[in-house]
Amino acid sequence: MGKHSSAVTRSNNNRRSVYITAVGILVVTLGAVFVVRSFGSQSGADGFLGGSKGCSDPVQVSLSTTPEMQGPLEAAAKSLAAKGGKDGNPCYQVTISSAPSAQVARDVAHGSDNRPDLWVPDSSLWVAQADDGQTVPTVAVASVATSPLVLVSRNENFADTSAWLRVLGATEPALLDPLNTSPGALTLLALQMERQKTSASDNQVSQVVVPLAQHLGSLAKPYTDVNALFGRADQDGSKMVVPASEQSFVKYQEAHPEAQLRAIQPATGTLFLDYPIVVTAKSDAEQATNAAQALASELLTDTASQARDDAGFRDTQLSPLSGGRGVGNITQLTKPTNDAINTALQNWTRLSLSAHSLAVIDVSGSMAEKVGTKTRWQLTVEAAASGLNLFPDNAEMGLWTFSTKIGTDDADYRPLVPIAPLSKNQRAKIVGQLSAQKPIVGGGTGLYDTAIAAMQAVRRQYKSNAVNTILLFTDGKNDDPGSPTLAQAVQTLQAQQDPARPVRIIALGIGPDTNADELSALAQATGGQAYVAKNPTDLKSVFIDALQNR
């Protein structure tokens, strides 16, 4: 910050977003002269608005804010401009520009020349993402506005609004990119934080999040345009539900009064965006802090408060919007910790990656044993077929079966369907082959040789832009006398590992005869995990859990 000019820029790039609850505003009344872009003018040049002759040598301050907050801040800046230089008040020449929060966080963290002196992101926890390793940005003003997260859809899609999990599990969620937008990240966090009230299990949450991540991860481009999603959600018969800020919904309603959309807050409560003023100046942070506090003070005036409300934002106390707009009084969910935020986003990153997988399924004689009215094999086929629906069309999957001496040259495994994208034809091939197989009477379990061969096969076809895994289903333990020992098998699997090109075994044990220690040793040798469904009827839930932790 200092004597310099700063160009106003607009950008629509997005980065990762995070969340914080709003707290009270620190107010220090100071005068200032602000410079804002004269938008809509023929020249498009920056210029003084209401400057005073008493400000011949103002301190220049650049401020970047989110696009939706630019209007209210400009209104406050114009009002402050009329006060600058009067009655001994200090003068600041502030240039206001707009950019998505994630973009500014990355600019600051990377030491970009675009780094502003002041920054108003849509959430204070962006501050942690903007640490450049030398200067930690500080929050000068905790919040200047808020906007709760709401769910937007046609009214018929809100039969059960008791919880986020209930709504999203019964509809077609269209989630804004959680890694680049606050509404997307807040949705994942709301699903976790409401568990304090619903006691939903990990598996229940995963059954919503896993297919959602797989679906959105298959898109050529993540969703970032909330208004476009509102338009799709408003179509007749649409089951689409859009998690969004109340502010964006209110402005969409104003622009589209004919829309048949409704916004709701689930009964468990909601999280919300706030808008802090953050000092990101490389030098003279005290002077930037004074300017931030002066702007915050102006935002408390009746005129500025009306402008904020007109723009669809709530005050820092989350008071309902005027005129009955929005969702009225809200219930707050507990603020997530930084660890919870990081975990949610890291999990999403992993889950949304495409899959390059080989399903390897046991057809040994013990798979013919009945559990209730169905055999272990039938239950496994049902779980595998159901699991296919969790993968998008751009995921890749192949199929092997294994027992003992069932393949070429007496191999313990038999390749049935090569790994390929899950087109309609590929899905039909896999399901058809599964349906045509039967447990082999007297067949043993050649687990070790099969695991090693499957690892080698997937490594040969490794895809660098996907999660490369082997989904290994078995109901027993290795009983092939000609195979290596467990220690030898583990050593072989470990020797094949390349940290830069990981291939993991996800082992799914079926029934009480499964050797959990054996499966764990094989999986852990590859950085994978083992899961055991003692009751084969629980296999579908175990399969979901495995995908959640792949």
Protein backbone atom coordinates (compact mmCIF):
# COMPACT_ATOMS: atom_id res chain seq x y z
CA MET A 1 0.00 0.00 0.00
CA GLY A 2 1.29 3.49 -0.76
CA LYS A 3 1.35 6.15 -3.44
CA HIS A 4 0.36 4.15 -6.49
CA SER A 5 -2.51 3.52 -8.86
CA SER A 6 -4.25 0.19 -9.12
CA ALA A 7 -6.19 -0.96 -12.18
CA VAL A 8 -9.66 -2.35 -11.67
CA THR A 9 -9.96 -5.89 -12.92
CA ARG A 10 -12.77 -8.37 -13.28
CA SER A 11 -12.29 -12.09 -13.40
CA ASN A 12 -14.45 -15.17 -13.12
CA ASN A 13 -11.78 -17.70 -12.16
CA ASN A 14 -12.56 -19.73 -9.07
CA ARG A 15 -10.49 -21.54 -6.50
CA ARG A 16 -11.11 -23.41 -3.30
CA SER A 17 -13.59 -21.98 -0.79
CA VAL A 18 -14.18 -22.31 2.96
CA TYR A 19 -16.56 -21.22 5.70
CA ILE A 20 -16.85 -19.11 8.87
CA THR A 21 -19.63 -17.76 11.05
CA ALA A 22 -20.17 -14.00 11.21
CA VAL A 23 -19.22 -11.96 14.24
CA GLY A 24 -19.63 -8.31 15.13
CA ILE A 25 -18.09 -5.40 13.25
CA LEU A 26 -15.23 -3.38 14.70
CA VAL A 27 -16.14 0.23 14.04
CA VAL A 28 -13.79 3.17 13.99
CA THR A 29 -15.13 6.33 12.37
CA LEU A 30 -12.63 7.87 9.98
CA GLY A 31 -13.07 10.09 6.91
CA ALA A 32 -11.83 9.06 3.49
CA VAL A 33 -11.87 9.85 -0.19
CA PHE A 34 -12.54 6.72 -2.31
CA VAL A 35 -11.89 6.14 -5.96
CA VAL A 36 -14.12 3.60 -7.71
CA ARG A 37 -14.47 2.68 -11.33
CA SER A 38 -17.11 4.65 -13.16
CA PHE A 39 -18.79 1.57 -14.60
CA GLY A 40 -20.88 2.15 -17.67
CA SER A 41 -19.09 5.33 -18.70
CA GLN A 42 -17.82 5.72 -22.23
CA SER A 43 -14.22 6.03 -21.15
CA GLY A 44 -14.34 3.36 -18.46
CA ALA A 45 -11.60 5.21 -16.58
CA ASP A 46 -11.17 5.33 -12.85
CA GLY A 47 -12.05 8.66 -11.25
CA PHE A 48 -12.76 10.51 -8.03
CA LEU A 49 -16.34 10.49 -6.80
CA GLY A 50 -17.06 13.44 -4.54
CA GLY A 51 -13.42 14.17 -3.74
CA SER A 52 -12.44 17.08 -1.52
CA LYS A 53 -9.87 19.76 -2.11
CA GLY A 54 -8.49 18.86 1.31
CA CYS A 55 -7.18 15.55 -0.11
CA SER A 56 -4.41 16.61 -2.45
CA ASP A 57 -2.13 13.72 -1.50
CA PRO A 58 -4.33 10.77 -0.41
CA VAL A 59 -3.00 7.38 0.61
CA GLN A 60 -3.97 4.96 -2.14
CA VAL A 61 -5.55 1.65 -1.15
CA SER A 62 -6.60 -1.15 -3.49
CA LEU A 63 -9.57 -3.31 -2.42
CA SER A 64 -10.77 -6.51 -4.04
CA THR A 65 -14.16 -8.02 -3.27
CA THR A 66 -16.46 -10.72 -4.57
CA PRO A 67 -18.59 -9.63 -7.55
CA GLU A 68 -21.87 -9.79 -5.63
CA MET A 69 -20.53 -7.54 -2.86
CA GLN A 70 -19.13 -4.85 -5.12
CA GLY A 71 -22.35 -2.82 -5.30
CA PRO A 72 -22.84 -2.35 -1.53
CA LEU A 73 -19.16 -1.53 -1.06
CA GLU A 74 -19.25 1.01 -3.87
CA ALA A 75 -22.26 2.66 -2.28
CA ALA A 76 -20.42 2.92 1.03
CA ALA A 77 -17.30 4.21 -0.72
CA LYS A 78 -19.23 6.96 -2.48
CA SER A 79 -20.70 8.11 0.81
CA LEU A 80 -17.28 8.13 2.45
CA ALA A 81 -15.82 10.05 -0.46
CA ALA A 82 -17.96 13.05 0.44
CA LYS A 83 -16.49 13.11 3.97
CA GLY A 84 -12.80 12.86 3.12
CA GLY A 85 -10.58 15.77 4.14
CA LYS A 86 -13.22 17.49 6.22
CA ASP A 87 -12.76 18.32 9.88
CA GLY A 88 -9.26 16.92 9.84
CA ASN A 89 -10.33 13.44 8.73
CA PRO A 90 -7.62 11.45 6.93
CA CYS A 91 -7.91 10.76 3.21
CA TYR A 92 -7.73 7.41 1.45
CA GLN A 93 -7.97 6.90 -2.28
CA VAL A 94 -9.44 3.40 -2.61
CA THR A 95 -9.73 1.52 -5.89
CA ILE A 96 -12.43 -1.16 -5.76
CA SER A 97 -12.27 -4.18 -8.05
CA SER A 98 -14.04 -7.53 -8.08
CA ALA A 99 -12.76 -11.08 -8.31
CA PRO A 100 -13.84 -14.47 -6.91
CA SER A 101 -12.55 -15.18 -3.42
CA ALA A 102 -10.55 -18.23 -4.45
CA GLN A 103 -8.72 -16.28 -7.13
CA VAL A 104 -7.60 -13.60 -4.69
CA ALA A 105 -6.59 -16.21 -2.10
CA ARG A 106 -4.31 -17.85 -4.62
CA ASP A 107 -2.95 -14.52 -5.86
CA VAL A 108 -2.02 -13.54 -2.32
CA ALA A 109 -0.60 -16.94 -1.42
CA HIS A 110 1.55 -16.99 -4.56
CA GLY A 111 2.82 -13.43 -4.14
CA SER A 112 1.11 -12.21 -7.30
CA ASP A 113 1.34 -8.57 -8.37
CA ASN A 114 -2.48 -8.60 -8.26
CA ARG A 115 -2.38 -8.71 -4.47
CA PRO A 116 -4.70 -6.00 -3.08
CA ASP A 117 -4.24 -4.00 0.12
CA LEU A 118 -7.72 -4.90 1.38
CA TRP A 119 -9.86 -7.89 0.51
CA VAL A 120 -13.50 -8.76 1.16
CA PRO A 121 -13.93 -12.50 0.43
CA ASP A 122 -17.22 -14.27 0.98
CA SER A 123 -15.80 -16.19 3.97
CA SER A 124 -13.16 -15.35 6.56
CA LEU A 125 -11.58 -18.77 6.42
CA TRP A 126 -10.25 -17.85 2.99
CA VAL A 127 -7.59 -16.11 5.05
CA ALA A 128 -5.91 -19.43 5.82
CA GLN A 129 -5.67 -20.14 2.09
CA ALA A 130 -3.99 -16.78 1.43
CA ASP A 131 -0.90 -17.30 3.59
CA ASP A 132 2.15 -16.67 1.42
CA GLY A 133 4.53 -18.03 4.03
CA GLN A 134 5.80 -14.57 4.95
CA THR A 135 2.85 -12.34 5.75
CA VAL A 136 -0.28 -13.83 7.27
CA PRO A 137 -3.34 -11.81 6.24
CA THR A 138 -5.27 -10.43 9.20
CA VAL A 139 -8.98 -9.80 9.61
CA ALA A 140 -9.55 -6.11 10.29
CA VAL A 141 -13.34 -6.32 10.32
CA ALA A 142 -14.97 -9.65 11.11
CA SER A 143 -18.04 -9.27 8.89
CA VAL A 144 -19.90 -6.64 6.89
CA ALA A 145 -22.79 -8.85 5.68
CA THR A 146 -24.05 -12.44 5.69
CA SER A 147 -26.04 -14.79 3.49
CA PRO A 148 -27.26 -18.23 4.63
CA LEU A 149 -26.98 -21.32 2.47
CA VAL A 150 -30.37 -22.47 1.18
CA LEU A 151 -31.74 -25.24 -1.03
CA VAL A 152 -33.53 -24.07 -4.17
CA SER A 153 -35.93 -26.18 -6.24
CA ARG A 154 -39.52 -26.53 -7.35
CA ASN A 155 -41.93 -26.92 -4.45
CA GLU A 156 -42.83 -30.54 -5.24
CA ASN A 157 -39.25 -31.60 -4.47
CA PHE A 158 -39.51 -30.51 -0.84
CA ALA A 159 -41.76 -33.22 0.58
CA ASP A 160 -39.27 -33.92 3.38
CA THR A 161 -37.17 -30.96 4.54
CA SER A 162 -36.15 -32.42 7.89
CA ALA A 163 -32.44 -32.59 7.01
CA TRP A 164 -29.91 -31.85 4.27
CA LEU A 165 -29.34 -35.57 3.89
CA ARG A 166 -33.04 -36.25 3.38
CA VAL A 167 -33.48 -33.58 0.73
CA LEU A 168 -30.32 -34.34 -1.23
CA GLY A 169 -30.86 -38.09 -1.03
CA ALA A 170 -34.34 -37.88 -2.54
CA THR A 171 -33.59 -35.42 -5.36
CA GLU A 172 -30.96 -34.60 -7.98
CA PRO A 173 -28.48 -32.22 -6.33
CA ALA A 174 -26.67 -29.80 -8.61
CA LEU A 175 -23.70 -28.80 -6.52
CA LEU A 176 -21.56 -25.80 -7.34
CA ASP A 177 -17.91 -26.85 -7.40
CA PRO A 178 -17.00 -27.46 -3.72
CA LEU A 179 -13.32 -26.83 -4.39
CA ASN A 180 -13.95 -23.42 -5.95
CA THR A 181 -17.18 -22.02 -4.50
CA SER A 182 -18.42 -21.42 -0.98
CA PRO A 183 -21.96 -22.79 -1.55
CA GLY A 184 -20.53 -26.08 -2.79
CA ALA A 185 -18.15 -26.48 0.13
CA LEU A 186 -20.79 -25.40 2.64
CA THR A 187 -23.14 -28.09 1.36
CA LEU A 188 -20.62 -30.84 2.12
CA LEU A 189 -20.04 -29.32 5.53
CA ALA A 190 -23.76 -29.01 6.27
CA LEU A 191 -24.15 -32.74 5.64
CA GLN A 192 -21.48 -33.38 8.25
CA MET A 193 -22.44 -30.77 10.85
CA GLU A 194 -26.10 -31.73 10.96
CA ARG A 195 -25.07 -35.23 12.11
CA GLN A 196 -24.87 -33.78 15.62
CA LYS A 197 -28.66 -33.58 15.41
CA THR A 198 -29.56 -36.52 13.18
CA SER A 199 -26.95 -39.12 14.24
CA ALA A 200 -26.63 -40.15 10.58
CA SER A 201 -23.94 -42.77 10.04
CA ASP A 202 -20.87 -42.42 7.83
CA ASN A 203 -22.44 -44.87 5.42
CA GLN A 204 -25.70 -42.91 5.16
CA VAL A 205 -23.80 -39.75 4.31
CA SER A 206 -21.55 -41.64 1.90
CA GLN A 207 -24.54 -43.03 0.01
CA VAL A 208 -25.39 -39.44 -0.93
CA VAL A 209 -21.90 -37.96 -1.29
CA VAL A 210 -20.17 -40.79 -3.21
CA PRO A 211 -22.51 -40.90 -6.24
CA LEU A 212 -22.78 -37.11 -6.19
CA ALA A 213 -19.00 -36.75 -6.33
CA GLN A 214 -18.70 -39.38 -9.04
CA HIS A 215 -21.39 -37.70 -11.14
CA LEU A 216 -20.08 -34.16 -10.80
CA GLY A 217 -16.51 -35.36 -11.23
CA SER A 218 -17.47 -36.78 -14.62
CA LEU A 219 -18.54 -33.38 -15.95
CA ALA A 220 -16.30 -31.71 -18.49
CA LYS A 221 -16.51 -28.55 -16.39
CA PRO A 222 -17.73 -28.19 -12.79
CA TYR A 223 -20.83 -26.14 -12.08
CA THR A 224 -19.96 -22.51 -11.32
CA ASP A 225 -22.92 -20.54 -12.74
CA VAL A 226 -25.68 -20.60 -10.13
CA ASN A 227 -28.17 -18.71 -12.31
CA ALA A 228 -27.85 -21.32 -15.06
CA LEU A 229 -28.60 -24.03 -12.50
CA PHE A 230 -31.64 -22.11 -11.23
CA GLY A 231 -32.92 -22.01 -14.81
CA ARG A 232 -32.57 -25.78 -15.16
CA ALA A 233 -34.14 -26.41 -11.76
CA ASP A 234 -37.18 -24.35 -12.79
CA GLN A 235 -38.06 -26.56 -15.76
CA ASP A 236 -41.27 -28.58 -15.54
CA GLY A 237 -40.69 -31.97 -13.95
CA SER A 238 -37.17 -31.15 -12.82
CA LYS A 239 -35.99 -32.88 -9.63
CA MET A 240 -32.88 -30.71 -9.49
CA VAL A 241 -32.07 -29.06 -6.15
CA VAL A 242 -29.47 -26.28 -6.08
CA PRO A 243 -27.63 -25.41 -2.86
CA ALA A 244 -26.94 -21.67 -3.10
CA SER A 245 -26.66 -18.49 -1.09
CA GLU A 246 -29.93 -16.85 -0.18
CA GLN A 247 -28.59 -13.66 -1.80
CA SER A 248 -28.18 -15.31 -5.21
CA PHE A 249 -31.69 -16.78 -5.00
CA VAL A 250 -33.28 -13.46 -4.04
CA LYS A 251 -31.62 -11.66 -6.95
CA TYR A 252 -32.66 -14.44 -9.34
CA GLN A 253 -36.25 -14.11 -8.15
CA GLU A 254 -36.19 -10.39 -8.81
CA ALA A 255 -34.90 -10.94 -12.34
CA HIS A 256 -37.27 -13.88 -13.01
CA PRO A 257 -40.57 -13.19 -11.21
CA GLU A 258 -42.25 -15.95 -13.22
CA ALA A 259 -39.91 -18.65 -11.87
CA GLN A 260 -41.56 -21.49 -9.92
CA LEU A 261 -38.68 -21.89 -7.50
CA ARG A 262 -38.70 -21.95 -3.72
CA ALA A 263 -35.84 -21.66 -1.23
CA ILE A 264 -35.85 -23.61 2.03
CA GLN A 265 -33.65 -24.17 5.05
CA PRO A 266 -33.67 -27.78 6.29
CA ALA A 267 -35.03 -28.16 9.81
CA THR A 268 -31.60 -29.09 11.15
CA GLY A 269 -30.29 -25.61 10.34
CA THR A 270 -27.80 -24.13 7.92
CA LEU A 271 -24.35 -22.61 7.47
CA PHE A 272 -23.74 -19.25 5.88
CA LEU A 273 -21.33 -16.95 4.08
CA ASP A 274 -19.96 -13.85 5.75
CA TYR A 275 -17.93 -11.04 4.27
CA PRO A 276 -14.92 -9.93 6.37
CA ILE A 277 -12.50 -7.17 5.49
CA VAL A 278 -9.01 -8.66 5.38
CA VAL A 279 -5.71 -6.78 5.35
CA THR A 280 -3.50 -8.21 2.62
CA ALA A 281 -1.17 -5.22 2.16
CA LYS A 282 2.51 -6.08 1.90
CA SER A 283 3.43 -2.98 3.88
CA ASP A 284 1.80 -0.41 6.19
CA ALA A 285 -0.87 -2.80 7.44
CA GLU A 286 -1.92 -0.33 10.13
CA GLN A 287 -2.94 2.24 7.56
CA ALA A 288 -4.87 -0.40 5.60
CA THR A 289 -6.59 -1.49 8.81
CA ASN A 290 -7.72 2.07 9.46
CA ALA A 291 -9.19 2.28 5.97
CA ALA A 292 -10.99 -1.05 6.49
CA GLN A 293 -12.52 0.13 9.73
CA ALA A 294 -13.63 3.39 8.16
CA LEU A 295 -15.42 1.51 5.41
CA ALA A 296 -17.04 -0.82 7.94
CA SER A 297 -18.27 2.19 9.88
CA GLU A 298 -19.92 3.61 6.80
CA LEU A 299 -21.60 0.29 6.10
CA LEU A 300 -23.50 0.66 9.38
CA THR A 301 -25.31 3.82 8.31
CA ASP A 302 -29.01 3.62 7.45
CA THR A 303 -28.32 4.38 3.80
CA ALA A 304 -25.65 1.70 3.46
CA SER A 305 -27.76 -0.81 5.39
CA GLN A 306 -30.62 -0.28 2.96
CA ALA A 307 -28.27 -0.77 0.00
CA ARG A 308 -27.01 -4.02 1.55
CA ASP A 309 -30.57 -5.27 2.08
CA ASP A 310 -31.56 -4.26 -1.45
CA ALA A 311 -28.65 -6.34 -2.74
CA GLY A 312 -30.03 -9.38 -0.89
CA PHE A 313 -27.54 -9.54 1.98
CA ARG A 314 -28.39 -9.87 5.67
CA ASP A 315 -26.69 -7.95 8.45
CA THR A 316 -24.05 -9.52 10.66
CA GLN A 317 -26.71 -10.78 13.05
CA LEU A 318 -28.41 -12.77 10.27
CA SER A 319 -31.62 -10.73 10.58
CA PRO A 320 -34.24 -11.67 7.95
CA LEU A 321 -34.39 -9.66 4.74
CA SER A 322 -37.07 -7.03 4.39
CA GLY A 323 -40.30 -7.60 2.49
CA GLY A 324 -40.54 -11.29 3.34
CA ARG A 325 -37.76 -12.18 0.90
CA GLY A 326 -35.59 -15.22 1.42
CA VAL A 327 -36.19 -17.89 4.06
CA GLY A 328 -36.87 -15.73 7.12
CA ASN A 329 -35.46 -16.70 10.51
CA ILE A 330 -32.74 -19.32 10.37
CA THR A 331 -31.25 -21.92 12.67
CA GLN A 332 -27.47 -22.07 12.71
CA LEU A 333 -25.57 -25.32 12.43
CA THR A 334 -22.40 -25.56 14.52
CA LYS A 335 -19.42 -23.93 12.85
CA PRO A 336 -17.11 -26.59 11.37
CA THR A 337 -13.50 -26.71 12.47
CA ASN A 338 -10.62 -26.16 10.09
CA ASP A 339 -9.88 -29.89 10.26
CA ALA A 340 -13.47 -30.71 9.28
CA ILE A 341 -13.26 -28.31 6.35
CA ASN A 342 -9.97 -29.71 5.10
CA THR A 343 -11.19 -33.30 5.48
CA ALA A 344 -14.41 -32.63 3.57
CA LEU A 345 -12.60 -30.97 0.68
CA GLN A 346 -9.84 -33.57 0.54
CA ASN A 347 -12.42 -36.36 0.49
CA TRP A 348 -14.30 -34.62 -2.31
CA THR A 349 -11.11 -34.25 -4.33
CA ARG A 350 -10.48 -37.98 -4.07
CA LEU A 351 -14.05 -39.07 -4.65
CA SER A 352 -14.62 -36.84 -7.66
CA LEU A 353 -11.66 -38.29 -9.56
CA SER A 354 -12.57 -40.76 -12.28
CA ALA A 355 -11.96 -44.45 -11.65
CA HIS A 356 -9.80 -46.92 -13.55
CA SER A 357 -10.72 -50.18 -11.85
CA LEU A 358 -10.66 -53.93 -12.22
CA ALA A 359 -13.32 -55.91 -10.35
CA VAL A 360 -11.98 -59.34 -9.38
CA ILE A 361 -14.65 -61.66 -7.97
CA ASP A 362 -14.34 -64.99 -6.19
CA VAL A 363 -16.17 -67.93 -7.84
CA SER A 364 -14.81 -70.64 -5.55
CA GLY A 365 -17.13 -73.41 -4.37
CA SER A 366 -17.90 -71.75 -1.01
CA MET A 367 -19.63 -68.89 -2.84
CA ALA A 368 -22.51 -71.32 -3.45
CA GLU A 369 -23.36 -71.42 0.25
CA LYS A 370 -26.75 -69.94 1.05
CA VAL A 371 -27.43 -66.95 3.26
CA GLY A 372 -31.16 -66.94 3.78
CA THR A 373 -32.79 -67.54 0.42
CA LYS A 374 -29.77 -66.47 -1.69
CA THR A 375 -26.22 -67.69 -2.15
CA ARG A 376 -23.15 -65.64 -1.38
CA TRP A 377 -22.54 -65.46 -5.11
CA GLN A 378 -26.00 -64.05 -5.82
CA LEU A 379 -25.60 -61.42 -3.11
CA THR A 380 -22.16 -60.49 -4.45
CA VAL A 381 -23.45 -60.13 -8.00
CA GLU A 382 -26.30 -57.92 -6.78
CA ALA A 383 -23.91 -55.71 -4.80
CA ALA A 384 -21.47 -55.44 -7.71
CA ALA A 385 -24.22 -54.59 -10.19
CA SER A 386 -25.61 -51.99 -7.81
CA GLY A 387 -22.13 -50.63 -7.28
CA LEU A 388 -21.76 -50.05 -11.01
CA ASN A 389 -24.46 -47.42 -10.76
CA LEU A 390 -22.21 -45.37 -8.50
CA PHE A 391 -19.71 -44.90 -11.31
CA PRO A 392 -20.23 -42.32 -14.07
CA ASP A 393 -19.92 -43.18 -17.75
CA ASN A 394 -16.40 -41.79 -17.98
CA ALA A 395 -15.14 -44.19 -15.30
CA GLU A 396 -13.37 -47.30 -16.55
CA MET A 397 -14.05 -50.83 -15.29
CA GLY A 398 -13.15 -54.38 -16.21
CA LEU A 399 -14.01 -57.82 -14.78
CA TRP A 400 -12.13 -60.94 -13.74
CA THR A 401 -13.24 -63.99 -11.79
CA PHE A 402 -10.94 -66.27 -9.80
CA SER A 403 -10.81 -69.63 -8.06
CA THR A 404 -8.04 -72.19 -8.71
CA LYS A 405 -6.77 -73.28 -12.11
CA ILE A 406 -9.64 -71.76 -14.09
CA GLY A 407 -7.69 -69.69 -16.59
CA THR A 408 -5.17 -70.07 -19.37
CA ASP A 409 -2.21 -72.28 -18.38
CA ASP A 410 -4.02 -73.24 -15.16
CA ALA A 411 -4.02 -69.65 -13.89
CA ASP A 412 -6.19 -69.01 -10.84
CA TYR A 413 -7.98 -66.13 -12.58
CA ARG A 414 -10.01 -65.65 -15.75
CA PRO A 415 -10.23 -62.25 -17.52
CA LEU A 416 -13.82 -61.73 -18.73
CA VAL A 417 -14.24 -58.04 -19.66
CA PRO A 418 -11.25 -55.76 -20.45
CA ILE A 419 -11.07 -52.42 -18.64
CA ALA A 420 -12.93 -49.80 -20.70
CA PRO A 421 -15.15 -46.73 -20.19
CA LEU A 422 -18.51 -47.59 -18.63
CA SER A 423 -20.61 -47.00 -21.68
CA LYS A 424 -24.03 -48.59 -21.85
CA ASN A 425 -22.46 -51.46 -23.79
CA GLN A 426 -19.63 -51.95 -21.27
CA ARG A 427 -22.06 -52.01 -18.36
CA ALA A 428 -24.17 -54.60 -20.17
CA LYS A 429 -21.08 -56.75 -20.79
CA ILE A 430 -20.09 -56.72 -17.12
CA VAL A 431 -23.58 -57.43 -15.82
CA GLY A 432 -24.09 -60.11 -18.47
CA GLN A 433 -20.84 -61.88 -17.62
CA LEU A 434 -21.61 -61.71 -13.90
CA SER A 435 -25.03 -63.21 -14.48
CA ALA A 436 -23.56 -66.03 -16.56
CA GLN A 437 -21.02 -67.13 -13.92
CA LYS A 438 -21.60 -69.73 -11.24
CA PRO A 439 -19.51 -70.88 -8.27
CA ILE A 440 -17.19 -73.71 -9.28
CA VAL A 441 -17.97 -76.90 -7.38
CA GLY A 442 -14.86 -77.92 -5.48
CA GLY A 443 -13.02 -74.81 -6.60
CA GLY A 444 -10.50 -73.35 -4.19
CA THR A 445 -9.46 -69.74 -3.58
CA GLY A 446 -6.31 -68.72 -5.43
CA LEU A 447 -6.19 -65.34 -3.73
CA TYR A 448 -2.48 -64.51 -3.70
CA ASP A 449 -1.63 -65.29 -7.34
CA THR A 450 -4.77 -63.47 -8.45
CA ALA A 451 -3.98 -60.33 -6.43
CA ILE A 452 -0.47 -60.18 -7.90
CA ALA A 453 -1.67 -60.76 -11.48
CA ALA A 454 -4.44 -58.15 -11.13
CA MET A 455 -1.91 -55.62 -9.84
CA GLN A 456 0.34 -56.21 -12.82
CA ALA A 457 -2.57 -55.90 -15.26
CA VAL A 458 -3.80 -52.57 -13.88
CA ARG A 459 -0.26 -51.18 -13.74
CA ARG A 460 0.18 -51.97 -17.45
CA GLN A 461 -2.89 -49.85 -18.26
CA TYR A 462 -2.30 -47.14 -15.63
CA LYS A 463 -4.30 -43.90 -16.03
CA SER A 464 -2.60 -40.88 -14.52
CA ASN A 465 -5.80 -38.80 -14.34
CA ALA A 466 -7.81 -41.42 -12.43
CA VAL A 467 -7.87 -43.46 -9.23
CA ASN A 468 -6.41 -46.84 -10.18
CA THR A 469 -7.83 -49.65 -8.06
CA ILE A 470 -8.51 -53.36 -7.85
CA LEU A 471 -11.86 -54.25 -6.25
CA LEU A 472 -11.21 -57.71 -4.85
CA PHE A 473 -14.29 -59.67 -3.66
CA THR A 474 -13.78 -62.94 -1.77
CA ASP A 475 -15.53 -65.04 0.87
CA GLY A 476 -12.56 -67.03 2.11
CA LYS A 477 -8.81 -67.24 2.41
CA ASN A 478 -6.08 -68.46 0.11
CA ASP A 479 -6.08 -72.26 -0.17
CA ASP A 480 -4.05 -72.80 -3.32
CA PRO A 481 -1.11 -75.05 -2.29
CA GLY A 482 0.92 -73.96 -5.30
CA SER A 483 0.78 -70.24 -4.55
CA PRO A 484 3.34 -68.10 -2.72
CA THR A 485 3.05 -67.57 1.02
CA LEU A 486 1.29 -64.49 2.38
CA ALA A 487 4.64 -62.92 3.23
CA GLN A 488 5.89 -63.55 -0.31
CA ALA A 489 2.70 -62.15 -1.82
CA VAL A 490 2.94 -59.00 0.31
CA GLN A 491 6.59 -58.56 -0.60
CA THR A 492 5.78 -58.93 -4.32
CA LEU A 493 2.94 -56.38 -4.12
CA GLN A 494 5.13 -53.92 -2.24
CA ALA A 495 7.91 -54.26 -4.79
CA GLN A 496 5.48 -53.34 -7.58
CA GLN A 497 4.43 -50.07 -5.93
CA ASP A 498 5.38 -46.72 -7.43
CA PRO A 499 4.35 -43.73 -5.26
CA ALA A 500 4.00 -41.62 -8.40
CA ARG A 501 1.69 -44.22 -10.01
CA PRO A 502 -0.25 -45.86 -7.16
CA VAL A 503 -2.50 -48.86 -7.73
CA ARG A 504 -4.45 -49.85 -4.63
CA ILE A 505 -6.26 -53.05 -3.71
CA ILE A 506 -9.63 -52.50 -2.09
CA ALA A 507 -10.48 -55.91 -0.62
CA LEU A 508 -14.09 -56.74 0.22
CA GLY A 509 -14.55 -59.82 2.35
CA ILE A 510 -17.87 -61.64 2.32
CA GLY A 511 -19.15 -63.78 5.18
CA PRO A 512 -17.77 -65.25 8.42
CA ASP A 513 -15.11 -67.42 6.78
CA THR A 514 -13.17 -64.44 5.43
CA ASN A 515 -9.66 -64.05 6.80
CA ALA A 516 -9.64 -60.33 7.63
CA ASP A 517 -5.94 -60.29 8.55
CA GLU A 518 -5.01 -61.83 5.22
CA LEU A 519 -7.07 -59.32 3.24
CA SER A 520 -5.71 -56.41 5.26
CA ALA A 521 -2.12 -57.51 4.62
CA LEU A 522 -2.69 -57.69 0.86
CA ALA A 523 -4.54 -54.36 0.71
CA GLN A 524 -2.13 -52.48 2.96
CA ALA A 525 0.82 -53.66 0.88
CA THR A 526 -0.61 -51.46 -1.89
CA GLY A 527 -1.79 -48.56 0.25
CA GLY A 528 -5.37 -49.83 0.08
CA GLN A 529 -7.85 -51.03 2.66
CA ALA A 530 -9.84 -54.16 3.47
CA TYR A 531 -13.49 -54.35 4.47
CA VAL A 532 -15.41 -57.36 5.75
CA ALA A 533 -19.17 -57.87 5.62
CA LYS A 534 -19.74 -60.68 8.10
CA ASN A 535 -23.30 -60.83 6.85
CA PRO A 536 -23.26 -60.85 3.03
CA THR A 537 -26.50 -58.86 3.02
CA ASP A 538 -24.40 -55.91 4.27
CA LEU A 539 -22.14 -56.06 1.22
CA LYS A 540 -23.72 -53.07 -0.51
CA SER A 541 -23.05 -50.84 2.48
CA VAL A 542 -19.48 -52.15 2.70
CA PHE A 543 -19.03 -51.44 -1.01
CA ILE A 544 -20.14 -47.82 -0.49
CA ASP A 545 -17.74 -47.49 2.42
CA ALA A 546 -14.91 -48.86 0.31
CA LEU A 547 -15.51 -46.30 -2.41
CA GLN A 548 -15.65 -43.54 0.20
CA ASN A 549 -12.14 -44.48 1.36
CA ARG A 550 -10.54 -45.59 -1.87
